[in-house]
PDB file of N, CA and C in Angstrom:
ATOM      1  N   UNK A   1      42.420 -39.782  -5.159  1.00  0.00           N
ATOM      2  CA  UNK A   1      43.273 -38.934  -4.349  1.00  0.00           C
ATOM      3  C   UNK A   1      42.697 -37.526  -4.393  1.00  0.00           C
ATOM      4  N   UNK A   2      42.441 -36.966  -3.227  1.00  0.00           N
ATOM      5  CA  UNK A   2      41.931 -35.612  -3.126  1.00  0.00           C
ATOM      6  C   UNK A   2      43.001 -34.774  -2.447  1.00  0.00           C
ATOM      7  N   UNK A   3      43.336 -33.679  -3.069  1.00  0.00           N
ATOM      8  CA  UNK A   3      44.276 -32.754  -2.454  1.00  0.00           C
ATOM      9  C   UNK A   3      43.601 -31.408  -2.354  1.00  0.00           C
ATOM     10  N   UNK A   4      44.287 -30.443  -1.785  1.00  0.00           N
ATOM     11  CA  UNK A   4      43.707 -29.124  -1.605  1.00  0.00           C
ATOM     12  C   UNK A   4      43.237 -28.509  -2.914  1.00  0.00           C
ATOM     13  N   UNK A   5      42.224 -27.668  -2.820  1.00  0.00           N
ATOM     14  CA  UNK A   5      41.643 -27.046  -4.005  1.00  0.00           C
ATOM     15  C   UNK A   5      42.654 -26.176  -4.745  1.00  0.00           C
ATOM     16  N   UNK A   6      43.635 -25.659  -4.054  1.00  0.00           N
ATOM     17  CA  UNK A   6      44.612 -24.770  -4.678  1.00  0.00           C
ATOM     18  C   UNK A   6      45.871 -25.502  -5.145  1.00  0.00           C
ATOM     19  N   UNK A   7      45.825 -26.833  -5.169  1.00  0.00           N
ATOM     20  CA  UNK A   7      47.000 -27.612  -5.566  1.00  0.00           C
ATOM     21  C   UNK A   7      47.265 -27.434  -7.064  1.00  0.00           C
ATOM     22  N   UNK A   8      48.459 -26.957  -7.434  1.00  0.00           N
ATOM     23  CA  UNK A   8      48.771 -26.758  -8.848  1.00  0.00           C
ATOM     24  C   UNK A   8      48.900 -28.084  -9.589  1.00  0.00           C
ATOM     25  N   UNK A   9      48.655 -28.072 -10.906  1.00  0.00           N
ATOM     26  CA  UNK A   9      48.729 -29.307 -11.704  1.00  0.00           C
ATOM     27  C   UNK A   9      50.080 -30.013 -11.620  1.00  0.00           C
ATOM     28  N   UNK A  10      51.185 -29.244 -11.490  1.00  0.00           N
ATOM     29  CA  UNK A  10      52.509 -29.860 -11.395  1.00  0.00           C
ATOM     30  C   UNK A  10      52.605 -30.732 -10.151  1.00  0.00           C
ATOM     31  N   UNK A  11      52.049 -30.247  -9.058  1.00  0.00           N
ATOM     32  CA  UNK A  11      52.068 -31.012  -7.816  1.00  0.00           C
ATOM     33  C   UNK A  11      51.209 -32.258  -7.945  1.00  0.00           C
ATOM     34  N   UNK A  12      50.074 -32.133  -8.610  1.00  0.00           N
ATOM     35  CA  UNK A  12      49.189 -33.288  -8.814  1.00  0.00           C
ATOM     36  C   UNK A  12      49.950 -34.393  -9.550  1.00  0.00           C
ATOM     37  N   UNK A  13      50.736 -34.025 -10.545  1.00  0.00           N
ATOM     38  CA  UNK A  13      51.511 -35.011 -11.298  1.00  0.00           C
ATOM     39  C   UNK A  13      52.524 -35.700 -10.394  1.00  0.00           C
ATOM     40  N   UNK A  14      53.141 -34.947  -9.477  1.00  0.00           N
ATOM     41  CA  UNK A  14      54.100 -35.546  -8.541  1.00  0.00           C
ATOM     42  C   UNK A  14      53.423 -36.565  -7.642  1.00  0.00           C
ATOM     43  N   UNK A  15      52.233 -36.238  -7.140  1.00  0.00           N
ATOM     44  CA  UNK A  15      51.505 -37.143  -6.254  1.00  0.00           C
ATOM     45  C   UNK A  15      51.175 -38.448  -6.975  1.00  0.00           C
ATOM     46  N   UNK A  16      50.791 -38.338  -8.241  1.00  0.00           N
ATOM     47  CA  UNK A  16      50.422 -39.523  -9.021  1.00  0.00           C
ATOM     48  C   UNK A  16      51.641 -40.379  -9.354  1.00  0.00           C
ATOM     49  N   UNK A  17      52.817 -39.759  -9.456  1.00  0.00           N
ATOM     50  CA  UNK A  17      54.035 -40.504  -9.783  1.00  0.00           C
ATOM     51  C   UNK A  17      54.553 -41.314  -8.603  1.00  0.00           C
ATOM     52  N   UNK A  18      54.242 -40.888  -7.401  1.00  0.00           N
ATOM     53  CA  UNK A  18      54.750 -41.582  -6.221  1.00  0.00           C
ATOM     54  C   UNK A  18      53.623 -41.764  -5.196  1.00  0.00           C
ATOM     55  N   UNK A  19      52.674 -42.674  -5.469  1.00  0.00           N
ATOM     56  CA  UNK A  19      51.508 -42.822  -4.588  1.00  0.00           C
ATOM     57  C   UNK A  19      51.855 -43.314  -3.182  1.00  0.00           C
ATOM     58  N   UNK A  20      52.903 -44.132  -3.026  1.00  0.00           N
ATOM     59  CA  UNK A  20      53.278 -44.611  -1.693  1.00  0.00           C
ATOM     60  C   UNK A  20      53.762 -43.461  -0.820  1.00  0.00           C
ATOM     61  N   UNK A  21      54.553 -42.580  -1.396  1.00  0.00           N
ATOM     62  CA  UNK A  21      55.044 -41.427  -0.661  1.00  0.00           C
ATOM     63  C   UNK A  21      53.887 -40.491  -0.308  1.00  0.00           C
ATOM     64  N   UNK A  22      52.950 -40.345  -1.228  1.00  0.00           N
ATOM     65  CA  UNK A  22      51.774 -39.505  -0.973  1.00  0.00           C
ATOM     66  C   UNK A  22      50.941 -40.084   0.174  1.00  0.00           C
ATOM     67  N   UNK A  23      50.753 -41.386   0.194  1.00  0.00           N
ATOM     68  CA  UNK A  23      49.994 -42.022   1.281  1.00  0.00           C
ATOM     69  C   UNK A  23      50.700 -41.854   2.622  1.00  0.00           C
ATOM     70  N   UNK A  24      52.026 -41.954   2.614  1.00  0.00           N
ATOM     71  CA  UNK A  24      52.788 -41.755   3.855  1.00  0.00           C
ATOM     72  C   UNK A  24      52.626 -40.321   4.355  1.00  0.00           C
ATOM     73  N   UNK A  25      52.654 -39.371   3.449  1.00  0.00           N
ATOM     74  CA  UNK A  25      52.484 -37.967   3.835  1.00  0.00           C
ATOM     75  C   UNK A  25      51.084 -37.726   4.388  1.00  0.00           C
ATOM     76  N   UNK A  26      50.071 -38.336   3.760  1.00  0.00           N
ATOM     77  CA  UNK A  26      48.702 -38.195   4.256  1.00  0.00           C
ATOM     78  C   UNK A  26      48.547 -38.839   5.627  1.00  0.00           C
ATOM     79  N   UNK A  27      49.224 -39.958   5.832  1.00  0.00           N
ATOM     80  CA  UNK A  27      49.153 -40.628   7.136  1.00  0.00           C
ATOM     81  C   UNK A  27      49.779 -39.757   8.224  1.00  0.00           C
ATOM     82  N   UNK A  28      50.888 -39.102   7.899  1.00  0.00           N
ATOM     83  CA  UNK A  28      51.523 -38.198   8.873  1.00  0.00           C
ATOM     84  C   UNK A  28      50.606 -37.023   9.194  1.00  0.00           C
ATOM     85  N   UNK A  29      49.918 -36.501   8.179  1.00  0.00           N
ATOM     86  CA  UNK A  29      48.961 -35.424   8.417  1.00  0.00           C
ATOM     87  C   UNK A  29      47.811 -35.915   9.291  1.00  0.00           C
ATOM     88  N   UNK A  30      47.354 -37.136   9.053  1.00  0.00           N
ATOM     89  CA  UNK A  30      46.270 -37.701   9.851  1.00  0.00           C
ATOM     90  C   UNK A  30      46.670 -37.840  11.315  1.00  0.00           C
ATOM     91  N   UNK A  31      47.881 -38.294  11.564  1.00  0.00           N
ATOM     92  CA  UNK A  31      48.369 -38.415  12.947  1.00  0.00           C
ATOM     93  C   UNK A  31      48.410 -37.038  13.604  1.00  0.00           C
ATOM     94  N   UNK A  32      48.914 -36.054  12.882  1.00  0.00           N
ATOM     95  CA  UNK A  32      48.962 -34.695  13.418  1.00  0.00           C
ATOM     96  C   UNK A  32      47.556 -34.185  13.721  1.00  0.00           C
ATOM     97  N   UNK A  33      46.622 -34.373  12.787  1.00  0.00           N
ATOM     98  CA  UNK A  33      45.254 -33.895  12.995  1.00  0.00           C
ATOM     99  C   UNK A  33      44.575 -34.619  14.156  1.00  0.00           C
ATOM    100  N   UNK A  34      44.864 -35.914  14.318  1.00  0.00           N
ATOM    101  CA  UNK A  34      44.300 -36.673  15.439  1.00  0.00           C
ATOM    102  C   UNK A  34      44.745 -36.064  16.760  1.00  0.00           C
ATOM    103  N   UNK A  35      46.030 -35.801  16.880  1.00  0.00           N
ATOM    104  CA  UNK A  35      46.544 -35.209  18.114  1.00  0.00           C
ATOM    105  C   UNK A  35      46.000 -33.800  18.319  1.00  0.00           C
ATOM    106  N   UNK A  36      45.861 -33.053  17.243  1.00  0.00           N
ATOM    107  CA  UNK A  36      45.320 -31.704  17.342  1.00  0.00           C
ATOM    108  C   UNK A  36      43.864 -31.738  17.829  1.00  0.00           C
ATOM    109  N   UNK A  37      43.072 -32.657  17.279  1.00  0.00           N
ATOM    110  CA  UNK A  37      41.673 -32.773  17.693  1.00  0.00           C
ATOM    111  C   UNK A  37      41.563 -33.224  19.153  1.00  0.00           C
ATOM    112  N   UNK A  38      42.425 -34.153  19.564  1.00  0.00           N
ATOM    113  CA  UNK A  38      42.407 -34.604  20.957  1.00  0.00           C
ATOM    114  C   UNK A  38      42.734 -33.447  21.898  1.00  0.00           C
ATOM    115  N   UNK A  39      43.744 -32.661  21.531  1.00  0.00           N
ATOM    116  CA  UNK A  39      44.144 -31.527  22.353  1.00  0.00           C
ATOM    117  C   UNK A  39      43.032 -30.481  22.434  1.00  0.00           C
ATOM    118  N   UNK A  40      42.281 -30.346  21.343  1.00  0.00           N
ATOM    119  CA  UNK A  40      41.184 -29.374  21.311  1.00  0.00           C
ATOM    120  C   UNK A  40      39.966 -29.857  22.101  1.00  0.00           C
ATOM    121  N   UNK A  41      39.999 -31.114  22.525  1.00  0.00           N
ATOM    122  CA  UNK A  41      38.912 -31.617  23.358  1.00  0.00           C
ATOM    123  C   UNK A  41      37.919 -32.510  22.635  1.00  0.00           C
ATOM    124  N   UNK A  42      38.122 -32.756  21.342  1.00  0.00           N
ATOM    125  CA  UNK A  42      37.241 -33.676  20.635  1.00  0.00           C
ATOM    126  C   UNK A  42      37.473 -35.085  21.154  1.00  0.00           C
ATOM    127  N   UNK A  43      36.421 -35.836  21.292  1.00  0.00           N
ATOM    128  CA  UNK A  43      36.542 -37.210  21.741  1.00  0.00           C
ATOM    129  C   UNK A  43      36.537 -37.382  23.243  1.00  0.00           C
ATOM    130  N   UNK A  44      36.456 -36.293  23.988  1.00  0.00           N
ATOM    131  CA  UNK A  44      36.368 -36.431  25.445  1.00  0.00           C
ATOM    132  C   UNK A  44      34.998 -36.997  25.783  1.00  0.00           C
ATOM    133  N   UNK A  45      34.968 -38.005  26.626  1.00  0.00           N
ATOM    134  CA  UNK A  45      33.674 -38.606  26.977  1.00  0.00           C
ATOM    135  C   UNK A  45      32.745 -37.588  27.637  1.00  0.00           C
ATOM    136  N   UNK A  46      31.507 -37.616  27.203  1.00  0.00           N
ATOM    137  CA  UNK A  46      30.502 -36.757  27.813  1.00  0.00           C
ATOM    138  C   UNK A  46      30.012 -37.409  29.091  1.00  0.00           C
ATOM    139  N   UNK A  47      29.854 -36.633  30.119  1.00  0.00           N
ATOM    140  CA  UNK A  47      29.436 -37.186  31.403  1.00  0.00           C
ATOM    141  C   UNK A  47      27.991 -37.666  31.365  1.00  0.00           C
ATOM    142  N   UNK A  48      27.214 -37.186  30.410  1.00  0.00           N
ATOM    143  CA  UNK A  48      25.810 -37.594  30.348  1.00  0.00           C
ATOM    144  C   UNK A  48      25.648 -39.054  29.930  1.00  0.00           C
ATOM    145  N   UNK A  49      26.670 -39.650  29.298  1.00  0.00           N
ATOM    146  CA  UNK A  49      26.600 -41.051  28.890  1.00  0.00           C
ATOM    147  C   UNK A  49      27.155 -41.994  29.942  1.00  0.00           C
ATOM    148  N   UNK A  50      27.691 -41.481  30.994  1.00  0.00           N
ATOM    149  CA  UNK A  50      28.171 -42.330  32.077  1.00  0.00           C
ATOM    150  C   UNK A  50      29.641 -42.665  32.022  1.00  0.00           C
ATOM    151  N   UNK A  51      30.331 -42.331  30.944  1.00  0.00           N
ATOM    152  CA  UNK A  51      31.771 -42.573  30.857  1.00  0.00           C
ATOM    153  C   UNK A  51      32.110 -44.044  30.785  1.00  0.00           C
ATOM    154  N   UNK A  52      33.258 -44.392  31.303  1.00  0.00           N
ATOM    155  CA  UNK A  52      33.709 -45.771  31.294  1.00  0.00           C
ATOM    156  C   UNK A  52      34.842 -45.985  30.313  1.00  0.00           C
ATOM    157  N   UNK A  53      35.519 -47.125  30.479  1.00  0.00           N
ATOM    158  CA  UNK A  53      36.682 -47.439  29.645  1.00  0.00           C
ATOM    159  C   UNK A  53      36.295 -47.636  28.185  1.00  0.00           C
ATOM    160  N   UNK A  54      35.173 -48.275  27.933  1.00  0.00           N
ATOM    161  CA  UNK A  54      34.740 -48.507  26.552  1.00  0.00           C
ATOM    162  C   UNK A  54      34.477 -47.223  25.802  1.00  0.00           C
ATOM    163  N   UNK A  55      33.838 -46.290  26.496  1.00  0.00           N
ATOM    164  CA  UNK A  55      33.545 -45.007  25.856  1.00  0.00           C
ATOM    165  C   UNK A  55      34.829 -44.264  25.518  1.00  0.00           C
ATOM    166  N   UNK A  56      35.805 -44.308  26.397  1.00  0.00           N
ATOM    167  CA  UNK A  56      37.083 -43.646  26.139  1.00  0.00           C
ATOM    168  C   UNK A  56      37.784 -44.259  24.926  1.00  0.00           C
ATOM    169  N   UNK A  57      37.772 -45.583  24.832  1.00  0.00           N
ATOM    170  CA  UNK A  57      38.438 -46.252  23.711  1.00  0.00           C
ATOM    171  C   UNK A  57      37.763 -45.928  22.393  1.00  0.00           C
ATOM    172  N   UNK A  58      36.437 -45.994  22.369  1.00  0.00           N
ATOM    173  CA  UNK A  58      35.738 -45.744  21.119  1.00  0.00           C
ATOM    174  C   UNK A  58      35.772 -44.279  20.723  1.00  0.00           C
ATOM    175  N   UNK A  59      35.839 -43.375  21.687  1.00  0.00           N
ATOM    176  CA  UNK A  59      35.923 -41.960  21.342  1.00  0.00           C
ATOM    177  C   UNK A  59      37.265 -41.650  20.684  1.00  0.00           C
ATOM    178  N   UNK A  60      38.336 -42.322  21.103  1.00  0.00           N
ATOM    179  CA  UNK A  60      39.631 -42.096  20.448  1.00  0.00           C
ATOM    180  C   UNK A  60      39.616 -42.645  19.020  1.00  0.00           C
ATOM    181  N   UNK A  61      38.918 -43.754  18.800  1.00  0.00           N
ATOM    182  CA  UNK A  61      38.778 -44.280  17.441  1.00  0.00           C
ATOM    183  C   UNK A  61      37.987 -43.314  16.566  1.00  0.00           C
ATOM    184  N   UNK A  62      36.953 -42.710  17.136  1.00  0.00           N
ATOM    185  CA  UNK A  62      36.145 -41.747  16.394  1.00  0.00           C
ATOM    186  C   UNK A  62      36.976 -40.532  15.995  1.00  0.00           C
ATOM    187  N   UNK A  63      37.782 -40.038  16.905  1.00  0.00           N
ATOM    188  CA  UNK A  63      38.635 -38.882  16.598  1.00  0.00           C
ATOM    189  C   UNK A  63      39.612 -39.245  15.483  1.00  0.00           C
ATOM    190  N   UNK A  64      40.190 -40.435  15.527  1.00  0.00           N
ATOM    191  CA  UNK A  64      41.099 -40.875  14.469  1.00  0.00           C
ATOM    192  C   UNK A  64      40.407 -40.971  13.124  1.00  0.00           C
ATOM    193  N   UNK A  65      39.184 -41.463  13.127  1.00  0.00           N
ATOM    194  CA  UNK A  65      38.413 -41.572  11.888  1.00  0.00           C
ATOM    195  C   UNK A  65      38.071 -40.182  11.347  1.00  0.00           C
ATOM    196  N   UNK A  66      37.709 -39.268  12.228  1.00  0.00           N
ATOM    197  CA  UNK A  66      37.404 -37.902  11.800  1.00  0.00           C
ATOM    198  C   UNK A  66      38.641 -37.228  11.211  1.00  0.00           C
ATOM    199  N   UNK A  67      39.792 -37.451  11.818  1.00  0.00           N
ATOM    200  CA  UNK A  67      41.040 -36.874  11.296  1.00  0.00           C
ATOM    201  C   UNK A  67      41.363 -37.450   9.923  1.00  0.00           C
ATOM    202  N   UNK A  68      41.151 -38.754   9.738  1.00  0.00           N
ATOM    203  CA  UNK A  68      41.398 -39.391   8.434  1.00  0.00           C
ATOM    204  C   UNK A  68      40.464 -38.807   7.377  1.00  0.00           C
ATOM    205  N   UNK A  69      39.193 -38.630   7.722  1.00  0.00           N
ATOM    206  CA  UNK A  69      38.229 -38.060   6.781  1.00  0.00           C
ATOM    207  C   UNK A  69      38.625 -36.631   6.407  1.00  0.00           C
ATOM    208  N   UNK A  70      39.069 -35.877   7.397  1.00  0.00           N
ATOM    209  CA  UNK A  70      39.506 -34.504   7.152  1.00  0.00           C
ATOM    210  C   UNK A  70      40.708 -34.489   6.211  1.00  0.00           C
ATOM    211  N   UNK A  71      41.662 -35.361   6.450  1.00  0.00           N
ATOM    212  CA  UNK A  71      42.857 -35.440   5.616  1.00  0.00           C
ATOM    213  C   UNK A  71      42.503 -35.888   4.194  1.00  0.00           C
ATOM    214  N   UNK A  72      41.588 -36.855   4.084  1.00  0.00           N
ATOM    215  CA  UNK A  72      41.184 -37.354   2.764  1.00  0.00           C
ATOM    216  C   UNK A  72      40.484 -36.293   1.923  1.00  0.00           C
ATOM    217  N   UNK A  73      39.902 -35.316   2.578  1.00  0.00           N
ATOM    218  CA  UNK A  73      39.183 -34.255   1.859  1.00  0.00           C
ATOM    219  C   UNK A  73      40.024 -32.996   1.664  1.00  0.00           C
ATOM    220  N   UNK A  74      41.325 -33.135   1.765  1.00  0.00           N
ATOM    221  CA  UNK A  74      42.207 -32.011   1.507  1.00  0.00           C
ATOM    222  C   UNK A  74      43.006 -31.562   2.714  1.00  0.00           C
ATOM    223  N   UNK A  75      42.535 -31.908   3.906  1.00  0.00           N
ATOM    224  CA  UNK A  75      43.278 -31.598   5.123  1.00  0.00           C
ATOM    225  C   UNK A  75      43.590 -30.126   5.292  1.00  0.00           C
ATOM    226  N   UNK A  76      44.737 -29.864   5.862  1.00  0.00           N
ATOM    227  CA  UNK A  76      45.171 -28.494   6.121  1.00  0.00           C
ATOM    228  C   UNK A  76      46.375 -28.121   5.262  1.00  0.00           C
ATOM    229  N   UNK A  77      46.722 -28.969   4.312  1.00  0.00           N
ATOM    230  CA  UNK A  77      47.855 -28.706   3.437  1.00  0.00           C
ATOM    231  C   UNK A  77      49.178 -29.257   3.952  1.00  0.00           C
ATOM    232  N   UNK A  78      49.134 -29.879   5.122  1.00  0.00           N
ATOM    233  CA  UNK A  78      50.355 -30.416   5.709  1.00  0.00           C
ATOM    234  C   UNK A  78      50.891 -31.600   4.900  1.00  0.00           C
ATOM    235  N   UNK A  79      50.009 -32.443   4.397  1.00  0.00           N
ATOM    236  CA  UNK A  79      50.447 -33.604   3.612  1.00  0.00           C
ATOM    237  C   UNK A  79      51.215 -33.173   2.372  1.00  0.00           C
ATOM    238  N   UNK A  80      50.765 -32.100   1.731  1.00  0.00           N
ATOM    239  CA  UNK A  80      51.448 -31.609   0.539  1.00  0.00           C
ATOM    240  C   UNK A  80      52.860 -31.121   0.873  1.00  0.00           C
ATOM    241  N   UNK A  81      52.985 -30.429   2.006  1.00  0.00           N
ATOM    242  CA  UNK A  81      54.304 -29.930   2.424  1.00  0.00           C
ATOM    243  C   UNK A  81      55.231 -31.088   2.796  1.00  0.00           C
ATOM    244  N   UNK A  82      54.688 -32.081   3.510  1.00  0.00           N
ATOM    245  CA  UNK A  82      55.479 -33.253   3.895  1.00  0.00           C
ATOM    246  C   UNK A  82      55.916 -34.009   2.653  1.00  0.00           C
ATOM    247  N   UNK A  83      54.990 -34.196   1.712  1.00  0.00           N
ATOM    248  CA  UNK A  83      55.310 -34.905   0.471  1.00  0.00           C
ATOM    249  C   UNK A  83      56.442 -34.204  -0.269  1.00  0.00           C
ATOM    250  N   UNK A  84      56.331 -32.888  -0.403  1.00  0.00           N
ATOM    251  CA  UNK A  84      57.355 -32.122  -1.122  1.00  0.00           C
ATOM    252  C   UNK A  84      58.718 -32.261  -0.447  1.00  0.00           C
ATOM    253  N   UNK A  85      58.723 -32.195   0.877  1.00  0.00           N
ATOM    254  CA  UNK A  85      59.989 -32.332   1.612  1.00  0.00           C
ATOM    255  C   UNK A  85      60.578 -33.732   1.440  1.00  0.00           C
ATOM    256  N   UNK A  86      59.724 -34.759   1.552  1.00  0.00           N
ATOM    257  CA  UNK A  86      60.226 -36.131   1.422  1.00  0.00           C
ATOM    258  C   UNK A  86      60.628 -36.439  -0.012  1.00  0.00           C
ATOM    259  N   UNK A  87      59.911 -35.917  -0.980  1.00  0.00           N
ATOM    260  CA  UNK A  87      60.247 -36.157  -2.391  1.00  0.00           C
ATOM    261  C   UNK A  87      61.584 -35.515  -2.722  1.00  0.00           C
ATOM    262  N   UNK A  88      61.844 -34.341  -2.158  1.00  0.00           N
ATOM    263  CA  UNK A  88      63.134 -33.671  -2.382  1.00  0.00           C
ATOM    264  C   UNK A  88      64.286 -34.458  -1.818  1.00  0.00           C
ATOM    265  N   UNK A  89      64.067 -35.109  -0.674  1.00  0.00           N
ATOM    266  CA  UNK A  89      65.127 -35.911  -0.053  1.00  0.00           C
ATOM    267  C   UNK A  89      65.335 -37.219  -0.799  1.00  0.00           C
ATOM    268  N   UNK A  90      64.261 -37.804  -1.323  1.00  0.00           N
ATOM    269  CA  UNK A  90      64.397 -39.102  -1.994  1.00  0.00           C
ATOM    270  C   UNK A  90      65.013 -38.970  -3.371  1.00  0.00           C
ATOM    271  N   UNK A  91      64.948 -37.768  -3.983  1.00  0.00           N
ATOM    272  CA  UNK A  91      65.550 -37.556  -5.288  1.00  0.00           C
ATOM    273  C   UNK A  91      67.078 -37.643  -5.236  1.00  0.00           C
ATOM    274  N   UNK A  92      67.648 -37.160  -4.130  1.00  0.00           N
ATOM    275  CA  UNK A  92      69.097 -37.152  -3.992  1.00  0.00           C
ATOM    276  C   UNK A  92      69.677 -38.485  -3.588  1.00  0.00           C
ATOM    277  N   UNK A  93      68.868 -39.374  -3.057  1.00  0.00           N
ATOM    278  CA  UNK A  93      69.282 -40.700  -2.546  1.00  0.00           C
ATOM    279  C   UNK A  93      70.703 -40.651  -2.075  1.00  0.00           C
TER     280      UNK A  93
END
């Protein structure tokens, strides 16, 4: 599990105590990053390759993979915030 470089040790312990919740938070960050990258224009088919339906499908898969890699390497800190919010709600059940 890789989290942001500035993640305090207390938070690291929380992530290790609830790995399923941490994975869910990372997945939500990945979805957000995927949409952000798509909006920024990543994955748009280049006209020099001729385009086509296959290129469009595979470019969206590439953007999703890039977002997952970004999230796995610490992301933008959104997963940590989501985890903290969800952990606070699950404590009160």
